[in-house]
């Protein structure tokens, strides 16, 4: 599968959109840094299988998923969602801790996800409602790329480079138009 193929990119973004959402724009981007934060109730993390397993009486689980190395991603949006997904399988750094303090757990419980069946940590991806974008700083660098630093309401952070071109041989003919739409969307946030 070619990374610089518009049909592949659209299919990848659409597969990560919630039901009823429709692809509006998307591009090939380069993620420079990402930190995803999640809280899970009734679950434990099994590092040997990389699964988050349900366990009803488990303390609240706090998981971070980090990556500081650059990687290729598709970034796009629909009516209500922003999606940033790796083009290929990536290795991530995980940290987890159980929150046993009852007061802290009670404060966090409203944002925790209930775990009813096992799932792989690779399924934790940066897919957000547009309303979750809390802050977005956009700067243009010397080669004409935009560098966007995005902070989300749940504490996630993504630094992404939106290049001026998308590969050779015209595999992504609407890159410029889509990039302008993404920059406009993020600028309004």
C-alpha atoms as a PDB file:
ATOM      1  CA  UNK A   1       0.000   0.000   0.000  1.00  0.00           C
ATOM      2  CA  UNK A   2       1.389   3.380  -1.002  1.00  0.00           C
ATOM      3  CA  UNK A   3       1.478   6.054   1.681  1.00  0.00           C
ATOM      4  CA  UNK A   4       0.990   8.756  -0.951  1.00  0.00           C
ATOM      5  CA  UNK A   5      -2.253   7.435  -2.373  1.00  0.00           C
ATOM      6  CA  UNK A   6      -5.340   9.574  -1.845  1.00  0.00           C
ATOM      7  CA  UNK A   7      -7.779   6.648  -2.033  1.00  0.00           C
ATOM      8  CA  UNK A   8      -5.823   4.740   0.641  1.00  0.00           C
ATOM      9  CA  UNK A   9      -5.692   7.853   2.833  1.00  0.00           C
ATOM     10  CA  UNK A  10      -9.443   8.487   2.565  1.00  0.00           C
ATOM     11  CA  UNK A  11     -10.241   4.834   3.319  1.00  0.00           C
ATOM     12  CA  UNK A  12      -7.957   4.879   6.387  1.00  0.00           C
ATOM     13  CA  UNK A  13      -9.483   8.077   7.778  1.00  0.00           C
ATOM     14  CA  UNK A  14     -13.059   6.937   7.066  1.00  0.00           C
ATOM     15  CA  UNK A  15     -12.452   3.621   8.841  1.00  0.00           C
ATOM     16  CA  UNK A  16     -11.645   5.573  12.029  1.00  0.00           C
ATOM     17  CA  UNK A  17     -14.634   7.932  11.886  1.00  0.00           C
ATOM     18  CA  UNK A  18     -17.677   7.187  14.040  1.00  0.00           C
ATOM     19  CA  UNK A  19     -20.808   5.998  12.282  1.00  0.00           C
ATOM     20  CA  UNK A  20     -22.702   8.773  10.501  1.00  0.00           C
ATOM     21  CA  UNK A  21     -19.613  10.941   9.955  1.00  0.00           C
ATOM     22  CA  UNK A  22     -18.360  11.742   6.439  1.00  0.00           C
ATOM     23  CA  UNK A  23     -14.831  12.506   5.230  1.00  0.00           C
ATOM     24  CA  UNK A  24     -14.356  16.215   4.425  1.00  0.00           C
ATOM     25  CA  UNK A  25     -10.583  16.585   3.947  1.00  0.00           C
ATOM     26  CA  UNK A  26      -7.375  14.731   4.715  1.00  0.00           C
ATOM     27  CA  UNK A  27      -3.660  14.796   4.002  1.00  0.00           C
ATOM     28  CA  UNK A  28      -0.414  12.981   4.588  1.00  0.00           C
ATOM     29  CA  UNK A  29       1.285  14.610   7.592  1.00  0.00           C
ATOM     30  CA  UNK A  30       4.301  13.967   9.803  1.00  0.00           C
ATOM     31  CA  UNK A  31       3.669  13.601  13.526  1.00  0.00           C
ATOM     32  CA  UNK A  32       6.598  15.038  15.470  1.00  0.00           C
ATOM     33  CA  UNK A  33       5.414  14.277  18.997  1.00  0.00           C
ATOM     34  CA  UNK A  34       2.290  12.807  20.573  1.00  0.00           C
ATOM     35  CA  UNK A  35       1.085  12.018  24.080  1.00  0.00           C
ATOM     36  CA  UNK A  36      -2.281  10.339  24.563  1.00  0.00           C
ATOM     37  CA  UNK A  37      -3.827  10.073  28.039  1.00  0.00           C
ATOM     38  CA  UNK A  38      -6.690   7.769  28.949  1.00  0.00           C
ATOM     39  CA  UNK A  39      -8.482   6.660  32.117  1.00  0.00           C
ATOM     40  CA  UNK A  40     -10.152   3.260  32.324  1.00  0.00           C
ATOM     41  CA  UNK A  41     -12.462   1.948  35.019  1.00  0.00           C
ATOM     42  CA  UNK A  42     -12.846  -1.731  35.808  1.00  0.00           C
ATOM     43  CA  UNK A  43      -9.666  -2.677  33.943  1.00  0.00           C
ATOM     44  CA  UNK A  44      -6.037  -3.713  34.198  1.00  0.00           C
ATOM     45  CA  UNK A  45      -3.200  -3.443  31.683  1.00  0.00           C
ATOM     46  CA  UNK A  46      -1.446  -6.654  30.650  1.00  0.00           C
ATOM     47  CA  UNK A  47       1.907  -5.598  29.134  1.00  0.00           C
ATOM     48  CA  UNK A  48       2.731  -9.130  27.957  1.00  0.00           C
ATOM     49  CA  UNK A  49      -0.212  -9.136  25.539  1.00  0.00           C
ATOM     50  CA  UNK A  50      -0.523  -5.324  25.237  1.00  0.00           C
ATOM     51  CA  UNK A  51      -4.193  -5.674  26.163  1.00  0.00           C
ATOM     52  CA  UNK A  52      -6.402  -3.722  28.504  1.00  0.00           C
ATOM     53  CA  UNK A  53      -8.446  -6.403  30.234  1.00  0.00           C
ATOM     54  CA  UNK A  54     -11.723  -5.963  32.127  1.00  0.00           C
ATOM     55  CA  UNK A  55     -11.513  -6.550  35.876  1.00  0.00           C
ATOM     56  CA  UNK A  56     -14.562  -5.202  37.742  1.00  0.00           C
ATOM     57  CA  UNK A  57     -12.903  -4.492  41.102  1.00  0.00           C
ATOM     58  CA  UNK A  58      -9.672  -3.026  39.727  1.00  0.00           C
ATOM     59  CA  UNK A  59      -8.599   0.479  40.752  1.00  0.00           C
ATOM     60  CA  UNK A  60      -8.908   3.252  38.175  1.00  0.00           C
ATOM     61  CA  UNK A  61      -6.266   2.785  35.455  1.00  0.00           C
ATOM     62  CA  UNK A  62      -4.366   5.757  34.014  1.00  0.00           C
ATOM     63  CA  UNK A  63      -2.574   4.992  30.745  1.00  0.00           C
ATOM     64  CA  UNK A  64      -0.318   7.198  28.631  1.00  0.00           C
ATOM     65  CA  UNK A  65       0.757   6.349  25.106  1.00  0.00           C
ATOM     66  CA  UNK A  66       3.751   8.362  23.865  1.00  0.00           C
ATOM     67  CA  UNK A  67       5.821   8.704  20.746  1.00  0.00           C
ATOM     68  CA  UNK A  68       8.612  11.226  20.315  1.00  0.00           C
ATOM     69  CA  UNK A  69      10.009   9.934  17.018  1.00  0.00           C
ATOM     70  CA  UNK A  70       8.641  11.270  13.743  1.00  0.00           C
ATOM     71  CA  UNK A  71       6.155   9.087  11.880  1.00  0.00           C
ATOM     72  CA  UNK A  72       3.924   9.367   8.825  1.00  0.00           C
ATOM     73  CA  UNK A  73       0.235   9.789   9.513  1.00  0.00           C
ATOM     74  CA  UNK A  74      -3.001  10.667   7.810  1.00  0.00           C
ATOM     75  CA  UNK A  75      -4.784  13.651   9.283  1.00  0.00           C
ATOM     76  CA  UNK A  76      -8.333  14.484   8.322  1.00  0.00           C
ATOM     77  CA  UNK A  77     -11.695  15.605   9.536  1.00  0.00           C
ATOM     78  CA  UNK A  78     -15.421  15.071   9.174  1.00  0.00           C
ATOM     79  CA  UNK A  79     -18.381  17.168  10.281  1.00  0.00           C
ATOM     80  CA  UNK A  80     -17.565  16.681  13.975  1.00  0.00           C
ATOM     81  CA  UNK A  81     -14.286  14.740  14.278  1.00  0.00           C
ATOM     82  CA  UNK A  82     -10.539  15.169  13.801  1.00  0.00           C
ATOM     83  CA  UNK A  83      -8.580  11.995  13.029  1.00  0.00           C
ATOM     84  CA  UNK A  84      -4.800  11.446  13.097  1.00  0.00           C
ATOM     85  CA  UNK A  85      -3.810   7.852  12.329  1.00  0.00           C
ATOM     86  CA  UNK A  86      -0.409   6.299  11.576  1.00  0.00           C
ATOM     87  CA  UNK A  87       0.117   5.266   7.952  1.00  0.00           C
ATOM     88  CA  UNK A  88       1.859   2.089   9.101  1.00  0.00           C
ATOM     89  CA  UNK A  89       2.132   0.081  12.315  1.00  0.00           C
ATOM     90  CA  UNK A  90       4.175   2.047  14.841  1.00  0.00           C
ATOM     91  CA  UNK A  91       5.895   1.201  18.120  1.00  0.00           C
ATOM     92  CA  UNK A  92       4.783   3.261  21.107  1.00  0.00           C
ATOM     93  CA  UNK A  93       5.940   3.809  24.663  1.00  0.00           C
ATOM     94  CA  UNK A  94       3.330   3.021  27.305  1.00  0.00           C
ATOM     95  CA  UNK A  95       3.112   4.012  30.956  1.00  0.00           C
ATOM     96  CA  UNK A  96       0.375   3.020  33.334  1.00  0.00           C
ATOM     97  CA  UNK A  97      -0.508   3.519  36.962  1.00  0.00           C
ATOM     98  CA  UNK A  98      -3.403   2.498  39.148  1.00  0.00           C
ATOM     99  CA  UNK A  99      -5.155   5.346  40.922  1.00  0.00           C
ATOM    100  CA  UNK A 100      -6.017   4.135  44.400  1.00  0.00           C
ATOM    101  CA  UNK A 101      -6.683   7.491  46.097  1.00  0.00           C
ATOM    102  CA  UNK A 102     -10.508   7.479  46.514  1.00  0.00           C
ATOM    103  CA  UNK A 103     -10.871  11.276  46.216  1.00  0.00           C
ATOM    104  CA  UNK A 104      -8.783  11.482  43.047  1.00  0.00           C
ATOM    105  CA  UNK A 105     -10.558   8.445  41.569  1.00  0.00           C
ATOM    106  CA  UNK A 106     -13.957  10.041  42.278  1.00  0.00           C
ATOM    107  CA  UNK A 107     -12.879  13.250  40.490  1.00  0.00           C
ATOM    108  CA  UNK A 108     -11.609  11.361  37.438  1.00  0.00           C
ATOM    109  CA  UNK A 109     -14.335   8.711  37.208  1.00  0.00           C
ATOM    110  CA  UNK A 110     -16.642  10.853  34.994  1.00  0.00           C
ATOM    111  CA  UNK A 111     -14.034  10.882  32.181  1.00  0.00           C
ATOM    112  CA  UNK A 112     -12.997   7.230  32.564  1.00  0.00           C
ATOM    113  CA  UNK A 113     -13.962   4.656  29.950  1.00  0.00           C
ATOM    114  CA  UNK A 114     -15.627   1.468  31.205  1.00  0.00           C
ATOM    115  CA  UNK A 115     -13.893  -1.629  29.841  1.00  0.00           C
ATOM    116  CA  UNK A 116     -16.330  -4.422  29.048  1.00  0.00           C
ATOM    117  CA  UNK A 117     -14.131  -6.573  26.804  1.00  0.00           C
ATOM    118  CA  UNK A 118     -10.368  -6.799  26.179  1.00  0.00           C
ATOM    119  CA  UNK A 119      -8.857  -4.461  23.613  1.00  0.00           C
ATOM    120  CA  UNK A 120      -5.394  -3.790  22.292  1.00  0.00           C
ATOM    121  CA  UNK A 121      -3.603  -0.586  23.226  1.00  0.00           C
ATOM    122  CA  UNK A 122      -2.914  -0.064  19.507  1.00  0.00           C
ATOM    123  CA  UNK A 123      -6.626   0.799  19.254  1.00  0.00           C
ATOM    124  CA  UNK A 124      -6.022   3.932  21.347  1.00  0.00           C
ATOM    125  CA  UNK A 125      -5.702   6.501  18.560  1.00  0.00           C
ATOM    126  CA  UNK A 126      -5.966  10.269  18.309  1.00  0.00           C
ATOM    127  CA  UNK A 127      -9.609  10.530  17.206  1.00  0.00           C
ATOM    128  CA  UNK A 128     -11.359  13.552  18.692  1.00  0.00           C
ATOM    129  CA  UNK A 129     -14.577  15.484  18.557  1.00  0.00           C
ATOM    130  CA  UNK A 130     -13.720  18.913  17.157  1.00  0.00           C
ATOM    131  CA  UNK A 131     -15.138  20.420  20.342  1.00  0.00           C
ATOM    132  CA  UNK A 132     -12.264  18.728  22.246  1.00  0.00           C
ATOM    133  CA  UNK A 133      -9.654  20.949  20.548  1.00  0.00           C
ATOM    134  CA  UNK A 134      -8.693  23.244  23.402  1.00  0.00           C
ATOM    135  CA  UNK A 135      -5.742  25.079  21.882  1.00  0.00           C
ATOM    136  CA  UNK A 136      -3.992  25.051  18.526  1.00  0.00           C
ATOM    137  CA  UNK A 137      -0.827  26.982  17.683  1.00  0.00           C
ATOM    138  CA  UNK A 138       0.034  27.038  13.978  1.00  0.00           C
ATOM    139  CA  UNK A 139       3.314  28.337  12.574  1.00  0.00           C
ATOM    140  CA  UNK A 140       4.657  28.240   9.047  1.00  0.00           C
ATOM    141  CA  UNK A 141       8.248  27.031   8.794  1.00  0.00           C
ATOM    142  CA  UNK A 142      10.930  27.987   6.268  1.00  0.00           C
ATOM    143  CA  UNK A 143      10.019  25.257   3.728  1.00  0.00           C
ATOM    144  CA  UNK A 144       6.348  26.260   3.617  1.00  0.00           C
ATOM    145  CA  UNK A 145       5.062  23.537   5.926  1.00  0.00           C
ATOM    146  CA  UNK A 146       2.722  24.297   8.805  1.00  0.00           C
ATOM    147  CA  UNK A 147       3.656  23.061  12.263  1.00  0.00           C
ATOM    148  CA  UNK A 148       0.583  22.607  14.461  1.00  0.00           C
ATOM    149  CA  UNK A 149       0.705  22.048  18.198  1.00  0.00           C
ATOM    150  CA  UNK A 150      -2.699  20.857  19.348  1.00  0.00           C
ATOM    151  CA  UNK A 151      -3.861  20.381  22.941  1.00  0.00           C
ATOM    152  CA  UNK A 152      -7.139  18.586  23.598  1.00  0.00           C
ATOM    153  CA  UNK A 153      -9.577  18.824  26.495  1.00  0.00           C
ATOM    154  CA  UNK A 154      -8.631  15.357  27.775  1.00  0.00           C
ATOM    155  CA  UNK A 155      -4.947  16.367  28.100  1.00  0.00           C
ATOM    156  CA  UNK A 156      -3.730  14.817  24.837  1.00  0.00           C
ATOM    157  CA  UNK A 157      -1.023  16.671  22.921  1.00  0.00           C
ATOM    158  CA  UNK A 158      -0.054  16.314  19.255  1.00  0.00           C
ATOM    159  CA  UNK A 159       2.617  18.188  17.320  1.00  0.00           C
ATOM    160  CA  UNK A 160       2.177  17.611  13.597  1.00  0.00           C
ATOM    161  CA  UNK A 161       3.820  18.952  10.443  1.00  0.00           C
ATOM    162  CA  UNK A 162       1.566  19.584   7.440  1.00  0.00           C
ATOM    163  CA  UNK A 163       3.938  19.500   4.432  1.00  0.00           C
ATOM    164  CA  UNK A 164       3.368  21.661   1.344  1.00  0.00           C
ATOM    165  CA  UNK A 165       3.644  18.614  -0.962  1.00  0.00           C
ATOM    166  CA  UNK A 166       2.514  15.012  -0.720  1.00  0.00           C
ATOM    167  CA  UNK A 167       4.901  12.703  -2.514  1.00  0.00           C
ATOM    168  CA  UNK A 168       5.845  12.410  -6.137  1.00  0.00           C
ATOM    169  CA  UNK A 169       3.847  11.446  -9.209  1.00  0.00           C
ATOM    170  CA  UNK A 170       0.529  13.022  -8.164  1.00  0.00           C
ATOM    171  CA  UNK A 171      -0.805  10.272  -5.907  1.00  0.00           C
ATOM    172  CA  UNK A 172      -2.575  12.887  -3.760  1.00  0.00           C
ATOM    173  CA  UNK A 173      -3.894  15.479  -6.226  1.00  0.00           C
ATOM    174  CA  UNK A 174      -6.046  17.374  -3.688  1.00  0.00           C
ATOM    175  CA  UNK A 175      -3.310  17.714  -1.042  1.00  0.00           C
ATOM    176  CA  UNK A 176      -3.071  21.512  -1.317  1.00  0.00           C
ATOM    177  CA  UNK A 177      -6.859  22.024  -1.152  1.00  0.00           C
ATOM    178  CA  UNK A 178      -7.258  19.594   1.739  1.00  0.00           C
ATOM    179  CA  UNK A 179      -4.298  21.113   3.625  1.00  0.00           C
ATOM    180  CA  UNK A 180      -5.856  24.577   3.347  1.00  0.00           C
ATOM    181  CA  UNK A 181      -9.161  23.187   4.696  1.00  0.00           C
ATOM    182  CA  UNK A 182      -7.388  21.574   7.686  1.00  0.00           C
ATOM    183  CA  UNK A 183      -5.403  24.743   8.469  1.00  0.00           C
ATOM    184  CA  UNK A 184      -8.606  26.815   8.236  1.00  0.00           C
ATOM    185  CA  UNK A 185     -10.430  24.415  10.567  1.00  0.00           C
ATOM    186  CA  UNK A 186      -7.613  24.440  13.144  1.00  0.00           C
ATOM    187  CA  UNK A 187      -7.147  28.213  12.894  1.00  0.00           C
ATOM    188  CA  UNK A 188     -10.782  28.685  13.842  1.00  0.00           C
ATOM    189  CA  UNK A 189     -10.169  26.665  17.010  1.00  0.00           C
END
